[in-house]
Amino acid sequence: MISFIKGILKGLFYVVFFPFGLLAICLYAIFGVFVFIYRLIKLAILFFTGRNLKNELPEDEEVKKILEGSNEEEQSQEPALNLYPSDQEMYNTNEYISPSFEESKIEEEPAPQEEEDKDE
């Protein structure tokens, strides 16, 4: 009997509060449509007048100022001297001429042993 009463109360709860839930969902959907139309018109006006479409927060503007200040400081400083250049940096100059393949091949070949052959 208690489960029967619980079922009836649950049904009444759904019947009474379903219209309010449906009304809330419909009002939210209508609000969303109005916001969409408002933003569409606002962005179209901003676009055709040539203004910026993005709204920047005050924090974003502060960060831009800080970054611009740090860039100016970096440009005013002299570049650091590299005390340990790598081999690649040494060979990346215009004066360096690497030996051709044939020249390196000749250098690697051993000298002919003509004198030893004559003695035998």
Protein backbone atom coordinates (compact mmCIF):
# COMPACT_ATOMS: atom_id res chain seq x y z
CA MET A 1 0.00 0.00 0.00
CA ILE A 2 2.86 2.39 0.78
CA SER A 3 4.47 1.77 -2.61
CA PHE A 4 1.10 2.56 -4.27
CA ILE A 5 0.87 5.92 -2.46
CA LYS A 6 4.50 6.68 -3.33
CA GLY A 7 3.70 6.02 -7.02
CA ILE A 8 0.64 8.29 -6.96
CA LEU A 9 2.56 11.12 -5.25
CA LYS A 10 5.42 10.72 -7.71
CA GLY A 11 2.92 10.95 -10.61
CA LEU A 12 1.27 14.05 -9.14
CA PHE A 13 4.70 15.62 -8.65
CA TYR A 14 5.53 15.06 -12.34
CA VAL A 15 2.13 16.34 -13.52
CA VAL A 16 2.33 19.51 -11.42
CA PHE A 17 5.99 20.42 -12.07
CA PHE A 18 6.33 19.30 -15.71
CA PRO A 19 4.68 22.47 -17.10
CA PHE A 20 6.99 24.65 -15.02
CA GLY A 21 10.05 22.76 -16.26
CA LEU A 22 8.84 22.99 -19.85
CA LEU A 23 8.20 26.72 -19.41
CA ALA A 24 11.73 27.24 -18.06
CA ILE A 25 13.26 25.38 -21.03
CA CYS A 26 11.17 27.40 -23.52
CA LEU A 27 12.10 30.72 -21.87
CA TYR A 28 15.78 29.74 -21.96
CA ALA A 29 15.51 28.89 -25.68
CA ILE A 30 13.78 32.22 -26.46
CA PHE A 31 16.43 34.09 -24.48
CA GLY A 32 19.15 32.27 -26.47
CA VAL A 33 17.57 33.26 -29.78
CA PHE A 34 17.36 36.93 -28.74
CA VAL A 35 20.99 36.93 -27.59
CA PHE A 36 22.03 35.33 -30.89
CA ILE A 37 20.21 37.98 -32.94
CA TYR A 38 21.59 40.82 -30.76
CA ARG A 39 25.20 39.57 -31.09
CA LEU A 40 24.78 39.05 -34.84
CA ILE A 41 23.59 42.63 -35.36
CA LYS A 42 26.25 44.08 -33.04
CA LEU A 43 29.11 42.21 -34.75
CA ALA A 44 27.82 43.15 -38.22
CA ILE A 45 27.80 46.84 -37.23
CA LEU A 46 31.31 46.60 -35.74
CA PHE A 47 32.60 44.77 -38.83
CA PHE A 48 31.25 47.25 -41.36
CA THR A 49 32.40 50.27 -39.35
CA GLY A 50 35.94 48.81 -39.21
CA ARG A 51 36.20 48.51 -35.44
CA ASN A 52 37.67 45.62 -33.48
CA LEU A 53 35.30 42.67 -33.06
CA LYS A 54 37.02 41.27 -29.98
CA ASN A 55 36.35 42.69 -26.56
CA GLU A 56 39.57 42.79 -24.54
CA LEU A 57 39.57 42.54 -20.79
CA PRO A 58 41.58 45.02 -18.69
CA GLU A 59 43.91 42.17 -17.71
CA ASP A 60 44.68 41.53 -21.39
CA GLU A 61 45.63 45.17 -21.90
CA GLU A 62 47.97 45.08 -18.86
CA VAL A 63 49.67 41.95 -20.17
CA LYS A 64 50.21 43.60 -23.58
CA LYS A 65 51.82 46.61 -21.91
CA ILE A 66 54.12 44.37 -19.87
CA LEU A 67 55.13 42.35 -22.94
CA GLU A 68 55.83 45.49 -24.97
CA GLY A 69 58.00 46.83 -22.14
CA SER A 70 60.00 43.60 -21.95
CA ASN A 71 60.55 43.60 -25.72
CA GLU A 72 61.96 47.12 -25.57
CA GLU A 73 64.36 46.11 -22.78
CA GLU A 74 65.57 43.08 -24.76
CA GLN A 75 66.23 45.19 -27.85
CA SER A 76 68.23 47.76 -25.92
CA GLN A 77 70.58 45.15 -24.40
CA GLU A 78 73.65 44.00 -26.31
CA PRO A 79 73.69 40.37 -27.39
CA ALA A 80 75.54 37.99 -25.10
CA LEU A 81 78.96 36.69 -26.15
CA ASN A 82 79.00 32.96 -26.81
CA LEU A 83 82.10 31.64 -25.05
CA TYR A 84 81.67 28.07 -26.27
CA PRO A 85 80.82 28.06 -29.98
CA SER A 86 79.90 24.73 -31.45
CA ASP A 87 81.68 23.18 -34.45
CA GLN A 88 78.68 23.92 -36.60
CA GLU A 89 79.01 27.65 -35.99
CA MET A 90 82.70 27.52 -36.96
CA TYR A 91 81.98 25.93 -40.32
CA ASN A 92 79.07 28.19 -41.19
CA THR A 93 81.36 30.97 -42.43
CA ASN A 94 81.84 32.00 -46.03
CA GLU A 95 85.65 31.57 -45.88
CA TYR A 96 85.56 27.85 -45.10
CA ILE A 97 86.04 25.65 -48.16
CA SER A 98 85.44 21.98 -47.60
CA PRO A 99 87.61 19.51 -49.54
CA SER A 100 85.95 17.79 -52.43
CA PHE A 101 85.33 14.07 -52.37
CA GLU A 102 88.16 13.30 -54.79
CA GLU A 103 90.74 15.30 -52.78
CA SER A 104 89.83 13.49 -49.56
CA LYS A 105 90.00 10.13 -51.37
CA ILE A 106 93.55 10.83 -52.61
CA GLU A 107 94.71 11.84 -49.14
CA GLU A 108 93.44 8.59 -47.62
CA GLU A 109 95.21 6.23 -50.11
CA PRO A 110 98.57 4.87 -48.90
CA ALA A 111 101.71 5.69 -50.86
CA PRO A 112 102.86 2.98 -53.32
CA GLN A 113 105.66 0.72 -52.10
CA GLU A 114 107.86 0.59 -55.19
CA GLU A 115 111.20 0.35 -53.35
CA GLU A 116 110.20 -2.73 -51.40
CA ASP A 117 109.01 -4.47 -54.56
CA LYS A 118 112.36 -3.87 -56.32
CA ASP A 119 114.38 -5.45 -53.48
CA GLU A 120 112.52 -8.72 -53.65
